[in-house]
């Protein structure tokens, strides 16, 4: 019989992004070997009736744990995304998915994120968290980017930012040398 502590150190934590939720990937996972997580932001992005109802049923019967990352992990991911030039291409949901994976890494021996999002995959490579794509081949190497305003050299500080708030010009992004 396992004590409470050993049962919390599961073999694998699987974090599902919105595309994995829409694909109902949670139905394919063997429960004895892993715990499945997502964030409330990813759940809120599942809007069509069929997928939303299926997702709510999966949550109700315990197939998926809804957990939002603690602020310190979100801040760590925001800083890392800014440093790698990914911040303007990532949504807040992407940031929360990566932060949740980072947080779960302290509790689990292995964490994997299921996502087809190349920007999220790039960030996950940088922070050394595994990922598995659903319908794409996925990325194979990390690329650091430089993002800036070509007029005033402003750098983005918010997820999804594509226009310079100072001069209104579209932000430029290029691979860093």
C-alpha atoms as a PDB file:
ATOM      1  CA  UNK A   1       0.000   0.000   0.000  1.00  0.00           C
ATOM      2  CA  UNK A   2       1.327   3.434  -0.951  1.00  0.00           C
ATOM      3  CA  UNK A   3       1.487   6.315   1.441  1.00  0.00           C
ATOM      4  CA  UNK A   4       0.098   9.712   0.469  1.00  0.00           C
ATOM      5  CA  UNK A   5       3.523  11.133  -0.470  1.00  0.00           C
ATOM      6  CA  UNK A   6       4.495   8.331  -2.852  1.00  0.00           C
ATOM      7  CA  UNK A   7       1.162   8.497  -4.633  1.00  0.00           C
ATOM      8  CA  UNK A   8       1.672  12.196  -5.405  1.00  0.00           C
ATOM      9  CA  UNK A   9       4.997  11.513  -7.104  1.00  0.00           C
ATOM     10  CA  UNK A  10       3.464  10.051 -10.240  1.00  0.00           C
ATOM     11  CA  UNK A  11       5.459   8.863 -13.177  1.00  0.00           C
ATOM     12  CA  UNK A  12       4.235  11.473 -15.626  1.00  0.00           C
ATOM     13  CA  UNK A  13       2.231  14.684 -15.753  1.00  0.00           C
ATOM     14  CA  UNK A  14       0.626  15.491 -19.101  1.00  0.00           C
ATOM     15  CA  UNK A  15      -0.386  19.095 -19.762  1.00  0.00           C
ATOM     16  CA  UNK A  16      -2.905  19.652 -22.550  1.00  0.00           C
ATOM     17  CA  UNK A  17      -3.151  22.890 -24.494  1.00  0.00           C
ATOM     18  CA  UNK A  18      -6.366  23.974 -26.214  1.00  0.00           C
ATOM     19  CA  UNK A  19      -5.659  22.030 -29.419  1.00  0.00           C
ATOM     20  CA  UNK A  20      -5.261  18.827 -27.389  1.00  0.00           C
ATOM     21  CA  UNK A  21      -8.533  19.530 -25.591  1.00  0.00           C
ATOM     22  CA  UNK A  22     -10.311  20.078 -28.912  1.00  0.00           C
ATOM     23  CA  UNK A  23      -8.865  16.807 -30.225  1.00  0.00           C
ATOM     24  CA  UNK A  24     -10.150  15.061 -27.059  1.00  0.00           C
ATOM     25  CA  UNK A  25      -6.636  13.724 -26.527  1.00  0.00           C
ATOM     26  CA  UNK A  26      -7.474  13.087 -22.861  1.00  0.00           C
ATOM     27  CA  UNK A  27      -9.570  10.096 -23.960  1.00  0.00           C
ATOM     28  CA  UNK A  28      -6.472   8.309 -25.284  1.00  0.00           C
ATOM     29  CA  UNK A  29      -4.283   8.511 -22.195  1.00  0.00           C
ATOM     30  CA  UNK A  30      -3.775   5.588 -19.798  1.00  0.00           C
ATOM     31  CA  UNK A  31      -4.717   6.939 -16.350  1.00  0.00           C
ATOM     32  CA  UNK A  32      -2.681   4.487 -14.274  1.00  0.00           C
ATOM     33  CA  UNK A  33       0.567   5.882 -15.638  1.00  0.00           C
ATOM     34  CA  UNK A  34      -0.113   9.625 -15.597  1.00  0.00           C
ATOM     35  CA  UNK A  35      -2.057  12.583 -14.363  1.00  0.00           C
ATOM     36  CA  UNK A  36      -3.582  14.921 -16.940  1.00  0.00           C
ATOM     37  CA  UNK A  37      -3.743  18.697 -16.454  1.00  0.00           C
ATOM     38  CA  UNK A  38      -4.809  21.854 -18.203  1.00  0.00           C
ATOM     39  CA  UNK A  39      -5.524  25.437 -17.196  1.00  0.00           C
ATOM     40  CA  UNK A  40      -8.814  27.259 -16.779  1.00  0.00           C
ATOM     41  CA  UNK A  41      -7.767  29.549 -19.658  1.00  0.00           C
ATOM     42  CA  UNK A  42      -7.428  26.571 -22.021  1.00  0.00           C
ATOM     43  CA  UNK A  43     -10.823  25.267 -20.884  1.00  0.00           C
ATOM     44  CA  UNK A  44     -12.389  28.672 -21.588  1.00  0.00           C
ATOM     45  CA  UNK A  45     -11.078  28.529 -25.172  1.00  0.00           C
ATOM     46  CA  UNK A  46     -13.129  25.392 -25.885  1.00  0.00           C
ATOM     47  CA  UNK A  47     -16.341  27.089 -26.957  1.00  0.00           C
ATOM     48  CA  UNK A  48     -18.199  24.821 -29.358  1.00  0.00           C
ATOM     49  CA  UNK A  49     -21.003  22.910 -27.651  1.00  0.00           C
ATOM     50  CA  UNK A  50     -19.898  19.344 -28.462  1.00  0.00           C
ATOM     51  CA  UNK A  51     -16.283  19.776 -27.327  1.00  0.00           C
ATOM     52  CA  UNK A  52     -17.237  21.890 -24.319  1.00  0.00           C
ATOM     53  CA  UNK A  53     -19.721  19.299 -23.044  1.00  0.00           C
ATOM     54  CA  UNK A  54     -17.255  16.443 -23.581  1.00  0.00           C
ATOM     55  CA  UNK A  55     -14.570  18.412 -21.754  1.00  0.00           C
ATOM     56  CA  UNK A  56     -16.852  19.204 -18.807  1.00  0.00           C
ATOM     57  CA  UNK A  57     -17.747  15.507 -18.521  1.00  0.00           C
ATOM     58  CA  UNK A  58     -14.049  14.573 -18.561  1.00  0.00           C
ATOM     59  CA  UNK A  59     -13.384  17.108 -15.807  1.00  0.00           C
ATOM     60  CA  UNK A  60     -16.366  15.878 -13.758  1.00  0.00           C
ATOM     61  CA  UNK A  61     -15.195  12.259 -13.826  1.00  0.00           C
ATOM     62  CA  UNK A  62     -11.611  13.194 -13.018  1.00  0.00           C
ATOM     63  CA  UNK A  63      -9.932  12.566 -16.372  1.00  0.00           C
ATOM     64  CA  UNK A  64      -8.498  16.102 -16.363  1.00  0.00           C
ATOM     65  CA  UNK A  65      -7.304  18.260 -13.487  1.00  0.00           C
ATOM     66  CA  UNK A  66      -7.876  21.993 -13.926  1.00  0.00           C
ATOM     67  CA  UNK A  67      -4.973  23.766 -12.270  1.00  0.00           C
ATOM     68  CA  UNK A  68      -3.728  27.288 -12.805  1.00  0.00           C
ATOM     69  CA  UNK A  69      -0.051  27.975 -12.210  1.00  0.00           C
ATOM     70  CA  UNK A  70       1.115  30.026  -9.275  1.00  0.00           C
ATOM     71  CA  UNK A  71       2.138  33.604 -10.016  1.00  0.00           C
ATOM     72  CA  UNK A  72       5.860  32.952  -9.516  1.00  0.00           C
ATOM     73  CA  UNK A  73       5.841  30.394 -12.362  1.00  0.00           C
ATOM     74  CA  UNK A  74       3.880  32.726 -14.633  1.00  0.00           C
ATOM     75  CA  UNK A  75       6.439  35.456 -13.935  1.00  0.00           C
ATOM     76  CA  UNK A  76       9.316  33.087 -14.673  1.00  0.00           C
ATOM     77  CA  UNK A  77       7.739  32.100 -18.007  1.00  0.00           C
ATOM     78  CA  UNK A  78       6.980  35.731 -18.917  1.00  0.00           C
ATOM     79  CA  UNK A  79      10.616  36.650 -18.309  1.00  0.00           C
ATOM     80  CA  UNK A  80      11.879  33.653 -20.276  1.00  0.00           C
ATOM     81  CA  UNK A  81       9.487  34.380 -23.157  1.00  0.00           C
ATOM     82  CA  UNK A  82      10.677  37.988 -23.253  1.00  0.00           C
ATOM     83  CA  UNK A  83      14.341  36.893 -23.191  1.00  0.00           C
ATOM     84  CA  UNK A  84      13.819  34.470 -26.077  1.00  0.00           C
ATOM     85  CA  UNK A  85      11.754  36.850 -28.210  1.00  0.00           C
ATOM     86  CA  UNK A  86       8.621  34.705 -27.954  1.00  0.00           C
ATOM     87  CA  UNK A  87       6.460  36.979 -25.818  1.00  0.00           C
ATOM     88  CA  UNK A  88       4.732  38.774 -28.691  1.00  0.00           C
ATOM     89  CA  UNK A  89       3.824  35.453 -30.356  1.00  0.00           C
ATOM     90  CA  UNK A  90       2.500  33.648 -27.284  1.00  0.00           C
ATOM     91  CA  UNK A  91      -1.016  34.019 -25.934  1.00  0.00           C
ATOM     92  CA  UNK A  92      -1.749  34.304 -22.232  1.00  0.00           C
ATOM     93  CA  UNK A  93      -3.061  30.732 -22.430  1.00  0.00           C
ATOM     94  CA  UNK A  94       0.297  29.576 -23.851  1.00  0.00           C
ATOM     95  CA  UNK A  95       2.115  31.347 -21.012  1.00  0.00           C
ATOM     96  CA  UNK A  96      -0.131  29.623 -18.446  1.00  0.00           C
ATOM     97  CA  UNK A  97       0.343  26.201 -20.060  1.00  0.00           C
ATOM     98  CA  UNK A  98       4.141  26.569 -19.922  1.00  0.00           C
ATOM     99  CA  UNK A  99       3.979  27.927 -16.353  1.00  0.00           C
ATOM    100  CA  UNK A 100       1.811  25.002 -15.268  1.00  0.00           C
ATOM    101  CA  UNK A 101       4.293  22.548 -16.792  1.00  0.00           C
ATOM    102  CA  UNK A 102       7.138  24.316 -14.989  1.00  0.00           C
ATOM    103  CA  UNK A 103       5.232  24.187 -11.700  1.00  0.00           C
ATOM    104  CA  UNK A 104       4.404  20.487 -12.124  1.00  0.00           C
ATOM    105  CA  UNK A 105       8.060  19.684 -12.781  1.00  0.00           C
ATOM    106  CA  UNK A 106       8.635  20.134  -9.043  1.00  0.00           C
ATOM    107  CA  UNK A 107       6.091  17.421  -8.220  1.00  0.00           C
ATOM    108  CA  UNK A 108       6.556  14.914 -11.053  1.00  0.00           C
ATOM    109  CA  UNK A 109       9.571  13.090 -12.384  1.00  0.00           C
ATOM    110  CA  UNK A 110       8.489  13.810 -15.946  1.00  0.00           C
ATOM    111  CA  UNK A 111       6.246  16.449 -17.530  1.00  0.00           C
ATOM    112  CA  UNK A 112       5.127  16.588 -21.140  1.00  0.00           C
ATOM    113  CA  UNK A 113       2.986  19.199 -22.885  1.00  0.00           C
ATOM    114  CA  UNK A 114       0.722  18.164 -25.752  1.00  0.00           C
ATOM    115  CA  UNK A 115       0.682  21.010 -28.275  1.00  0.00           C
ATOM    116  CA  UNK A 116       0.943  21.804 -31.978  1.00  0.00           C
ATOM    117  CA  UNK A 117       1.870  25.434 -31.244  1.00  0.00           C
ATOM    118  CA  UNK A 118       5.408  26.027 -32.576  1.00  0.00           C
ATOM    119  CA  UNK A 119       6.010  29.089 -30.382  1.00  0.00           C
ATOM    120  CA  UNK A 120       5.002  27.180 -27.284  1.00  0.00           C
ATOM    121  CA  UNK A 121       7.196  24.256 -28.356  1.00  0.00           C
ATOM    122  CA  UNK A 122      10.138  26.640 -28.820  1.00  0.00           C
ATOM    123  CA  UNK A 123       9.644  28.041 -25.307  1.00  0.00           C
ATOM    124  CA  UNK A 124       9.330  24.528 -23.866  1.00  0.00           C
ATOM    125  CA  UNK A 125      12.595  23.502 -25.530  1.00  0.00           C
ATOM    126  CA  UNK A 126      14.266  26.508 -23.939  1.00  0.00           C
ATOM    127  CA  UNK A 127      13.050  25.635 -20.427  1.00  0.00           C
ATOM    128  CA  UNK A 128      13.750  21.932 -21.003  1.00  0.00           C
ATOM    129  CA  UNK A 129      10.209  20.603 -20.780  1.00  0.00           C
ATOM    130  CA  UNK A 130       9.192  17.842 -23.173  1.00  0.00           C
ATOM    131  CA  UNK A 131       6.385  18.258 -25.669  1.00  0.00           C
ATOM    132  CA  UNK A 132       4.494  16.078 -28.102  1.00  0.00           C
ATOM    133  CA  UNK A 133       2.745  17.499 -31.155  1.00  0.00           C
ATOM    134  CA  UNK A 134      -0.631  16.134 -32.253  1.00  0.00           C
ATOM    135  CA  UNK A 135      -0.930  16.804 -35.986  1.00  0.00           C
ATOM    136  CA  UNK A 136       2.387  18.441 -36.858  1.00  0.00           C
ATOM    137  CA  UNK A 137       5.952  17.194 -36.853  1.00  0.00           C
ATOM    138  CA  UNK A 138       6.910  19.723 -34.193  1.00  0.00           C
ATOM    139  CA  UNK A 139      10.102  21.707 -33.953  1.00  0.00           C
ATOM    140  CA  UNK A 140      13.521  20.143 -33.564  1.00  0.00           C
ATOM    141  CA  UNK A 141      15.673  23.038 -32.371  1.00  0.00           C
ATOM    142  CA  UNK A 142      15.347  26.150 -30.256  1.00  0.00           C
ATOM    143  CA  UNK A 143      15.472  29.551 -31.986  1.00  0.00           C
ATOM    144  CA  UNK A 144      15.983  32.757 -30.023  1.00  0.00           C
ATOM    145  CA  UNK A 145      14.377  35.834 -31.544  1.00  0.00           C
ATOM    146  CA  UNK A 146      14.851  39.562 -31.238  1.00  0.00           C
ATOM    147  CA  UNK A 147      11.577  41.513 -31.224  1.00  0.00           C
ATOM    148  CA  UNK A 148      11.573  45.294 -31.382  1.00  0.00           C
ATOM    149  CA  UNK A 149      10.019  48.384 -32.904  1.00  0.00           C
ATOM    150  CA  UNK A 150      12.075  49.369 -35.965  1.00  0.00           C
ATOM    151  CA  UNK A 151      11.416  53.066 -35.244  1.00  0.00           C
ATOM    152  CA  UNK A 152      11.940  53.556 -31.488  1.00  0.00           C
ATOM    153  CA  UNK A 153      13.422  50.130 -30.533  1.00  0.00           C
ATOM    154  CA  UNK A 154      10.689  49.393 -27.983  1.00  0.00           C
ATOM    155  CA  UNK A 155      10.640  45.710 -26.957  1.00  0.00           C
ATOM    156  CA  UNK A 156       7.317  44.034 -26.100  1.00  0.00           C
ATOM    157  CA  UNK A 157       6.379  43.426 -22.505  1.00  0.00           C
ATOM    158  CA  UNK A 158       2.954  41.786 -22.900  1.00  0.00           C
ATOM    159  CA  UNK A 159       1.882  38.464 -24.434  1.00  0.00           C
ATOM    160  CA  UNK A 160       0.498  38.837 -27.947  1.00  0.00           C
ATOM    161  CA  UNK A 161       1.816  42.365 -28.402  1.00  0.00           C
ATOM    162  CA  UNK A 162       2.323  43.021 -32.135  1.00  0.00           C
ATOM    163  CA  UNK A 163       2.250  46.826 -32.394  1.00  0.00           C
ATOM    164  CA  UNK A 164       4.485  49.367 -30.664  1.00  0.00           C
ATOM    165  CA  UNK A 165       2.400  51.208 -28.046  1.00  0.00           C
ATOM    166  CA  UNK A 166       4.696  54.231 -28.344  1.00  0.00           C
ATOM    167  CA  UNK A 167       4.662  54.897 -32.083  1.00  0.00           C
ATOM    168  CA  UNK A 168       2.058  52.497 -33.498  1.00  0.00           C
ATOM    169  CA  UNK A 169       4.427  50.656 -35.828  1.00  0.00           C
ATOM    170  CA  UNK A 170       4.240  46.872 -36.304  1.00  0.00           C
ATOM    171  CA  UNK A 171       6.918  45.110 -34.242  1.00  0.00           C
ATOM    172  CA  UNK A 172       9.719  43.369 -36.118  1.00  0.00           C
ATOM    173  CA  UNK A 173      10.948  39.893 -35.219  1.00  0.00           C
ATOM    174  CA  UNK A 174      14.072  38.177 -36.474  1.00  0.00           C
ATOM    175  CA  UNK A 175      16.223  35.274 -35.335  1.00  0.00           C
ATOM    176  CA  UNK A 176      18.930  36.487 -32.963  1.00  0.00           C
ATOM    177  CA  UNK A 177      22.505  35.957 -34.019  1.00  0.00           C
END
